[in-house]
Structure formats: structure tokens, C-alpha cells
Amino acid sequence: MHVGFTDDPVRATVRVQIVDDPDAADFAVTDDAATDEPSACALAPTTRLVAIAEQPAATDPVIYLSHDDGGGADYRIFVRSNSFTARDAAALLVGASDRHAPITTASIGSRS
């Protein structure tokens, strides 16, 4: 699956807001957890790979990522990570989401 990004909210097919409160987020990524879960990053038959395309195809989601709601965000993300950017988290959320399934929170264990 590919996703793209735009700085133009009119071109976006999905709006993602960066929030400062994990409780306000649909998806949170942190890497300051005290312990790692052994199976947290295990591949499964349902695993989907998501790539960011510089020039997305007409059928690919195009994400507008911002700190303000600006007309209604489709998703809200919280990111406090040394290894993931807000852009990475937005791509992962949009690429892996199924609008009919609930979104869950991910926590990435600390990395040295």
C-alpha cells in the first residue's frame, strides 16, 4: 500500500491532526516504554506494508498532516518517539486502517 502527503488541504483525501495529548489521539506512538513486548512487531498473515510515495497514484490516500483541526480531522495522532516521525505515524495509521475496524494504540519499547 502506498500513501502520499500534501501541504494543500484541498488535495487531501485524509486529514490527520497531530495532538499533544495521547488521550485525544486515535493512534499513539511512543518509544519510552519500560519493557518490550516480545511479539509486538511480529509479522502475521494480515500484515500490510505501507510506503510513502513521492507521487502517489490517483487511488492512493493523500494525507494532509497538521497541528490544527482546520475543518475536521479524520484521525488524530500522538507521537513521542526517537524513531518515528509524525509523518511515519500518519502513513502507518492511514495505510493500515480499515474505516470499518476500530483503531488501536501502539507502543514501541525503548530502543538503545
Protein backbone atom coordinates (compact mmCIF):
# COMPACT_ATOMS: atom_id res chain seq x y z
CA MET A 1 0.00 0.00 0.00
CA HIS A 2 1.20 3.50 -0.80
CA VAL A 3 0.19 6.81 0.75
CA GLY A 4 1.16 10.33 -0.20
CA PHE A 5 1.33 13.68 1.60
CA THR A 6 0.27 17.15 0.59
CA ASP A 7 0.63 20.64 2.05
CA ASP A 8 -2.68 21.59 0.40
CA PRO A 9 -5.71 20.54 2.48
CA VAL A 10 -7.90 20.73 -0.64
CA ARG A 11 -5.88 17.94 -2.33
CA ALA A 12 -6.05 15.68 0.73
CA THR A 13 -8.25 12.62 0.89
CA VAL A 14 -7.42 12.13 4.59
CA ARG A 15 -6.73 14.76 7.25
CA VAL A 16 -4.54 13.81 10.22
CA GLN A 17 -4.10 16.13 13.19
CA ILE A 18 -1.05 15.95 15.48
CA VAL A 19 -2.21 16.30 19.10
CA ASP A 20 -0.31 16.86 22.35
CA ASP A 21 -2.46 14.58 24.50
CA PRO A 22 -2.39 10.79 23.95
CA ASP A 23 -5.93 10.54 25.34
CA ALA A 24 -7.15 12.75 22.47
CA ALA A 25 -5.46 10.57 19.83
CA ASP A 26 -6.87 7.77 17.70
CA PHE A 27 -3.33 6.40 17.39
CA ALA A 28 -0.36 6.95 19.69
CA VAL A 29 3.27 6.01 19.14
CA THR A 30 5.80 6.19 21.96
CA ASP A 31 9.16 4.57 22.43
CA ASP A 32 9.70 5.34 26.08
CA ALA A 33 8.03 2.22 27.47
CA ALA A 34 9.97 0.45 30.21
CA THR A 35 9.66 -3.01 28.62
CA ASP A 36 9.35 -4.50 25.18
CA GLU A 37 6.57 -6.90 24.27
CA PRO A 38 8.21 -9.88 22.52
CA SER A 39 5.50 -10.23 19.87
CA ALA A 40 4.79 -6.50 19.38
CA CYS A 41 6.44 -6.33 15.95
CA ALA A 42 5.87 -9.90 14.78
CA LEU A 43 4.67 -10.37 11.21
CA ALA A 44 1.31 -12.02 10.74
CA PRO A 45 -0.61 -13.20 7.67
CA THR A 46 -2.68 -10.00 7.88
CA THR A 47 0.39 -7.71 7.99
CA ARG A 48 0.25 -4.85 5.46
CA LEU A 49 3.31 -2.91 4.37
CA VAL A 50 2.90 0.85 3.92
CA ALA A 51 5.19 3.06 1.84
CA ILE A 52 5.22 6.82 1.38
CA ALA A 53 5.07 7.70 -2.32
CA GLU A 54 6.52 11.00 -3.54
CA GLN A 55 3.97 10.96 -6.35
CA PRO A 56 1.01 8.87 -5.21
CA ALA A 57 -1.28 7.18 -7.69
CA ALA A 58 -4.78 8.57 -8.12
CA THR A 59 -6.16 5.73 -5.98
CA ASP A 60 -3.67 6.19 -3.10
CA PRO A 61 -4.69 8.09 0.04
CA VAL A 62 -3.23 11.61 0.19
CA ILE A 63 -2.64 12.87 3.73
CA TYR A 64 -2.76 16.42 4.99
CA LEU A 65 -0.88 16.47 8.30
CA SER A 66 -1.15 19.46 10.65
CA HIS A 67 -1.32 20.54 14.27
CA ASP A 68 -4.67 22.29 13.93
CA ASP A 69 -8.02 20.66 13.25
CA GLY A 70 -8.70 23.02 10.33
CA GLY A 71 -12.09 21.75 9.28
CA GLY A 72 -12.27 18.32 10.84
CA ALA A 73 -9.53 15.76 11.12
CA ASP A 74 -10.26 12.19 10.09
CA TYR A 75 -7.67 10.92 12.57
CA ARG A 76 -5.63 12.31 15.45
CA ILE A 77 -2.15 11.06 16.30
CA PHE A 78 0.17 11.47 19.26
CA VAL A 79 3.89 10.83 18.67
CA ARG A 80 6.72 10.90 21.22
CA SER A 81 9.43 8.85 19.61
CA ASN A 82 13.10 8.85 18.73
CA SER A 83 12.47 6.51 15.81
CA PHE A 84 9.06 7.51 14.38
CA THR A 85 8.09 10.90 13.00
CA ALA A 86 4.54 12.23 12.91
CA ARG A 87 4.66 11.66 9.15
CA ASP A 88 5.64 8.00 9.68
CA ALA A 89 2.83 7.52 12.20
CA ALA A 90 0.25 9.16 9.92
CA ALA A 91 1.33 6.98 6.99
CA LEU A 92 1.13 3.86 9.14
CA LEU A 93 -2.29 4.74 10.53
CA VAL A 94 -3.85 5.67 7.19
CA GLY A 95 -2.21 2.80 5.31
CA ALA A 96 -3.17 0.18 7.88
CA SER A 97 -6.60 1.48 8.77
CA ASP A 98 -9.82 -0.04 7.71
CA ARG A 99 -12.53 2.54 8.25
CA HIS A 100 -14.84 -0.24 9.46
CA ALA A 101 -12.44 -1.53 12.15
CA PRO A 102 -11.51 0.20 15.41
CA ILE A 103 -8.08 1.85 15.63
CA THR A 104 -5.82 0.67 18.46
CA THR A 105 -2.86 2.28 20.22
CA ALA A 106 0.69 1.10 19.58
CA SER A 107 3.59 1.44 21.99
CA ILE A 108 7.14 0.83 20.85
CA GLY A 109 9.52 -0.32 23.56
CA SER A 110 12.62 1.74 24.29
CA ARG A 111 15.48 1.33 21.88
CA SER A 112 19.13 1.91 22.62
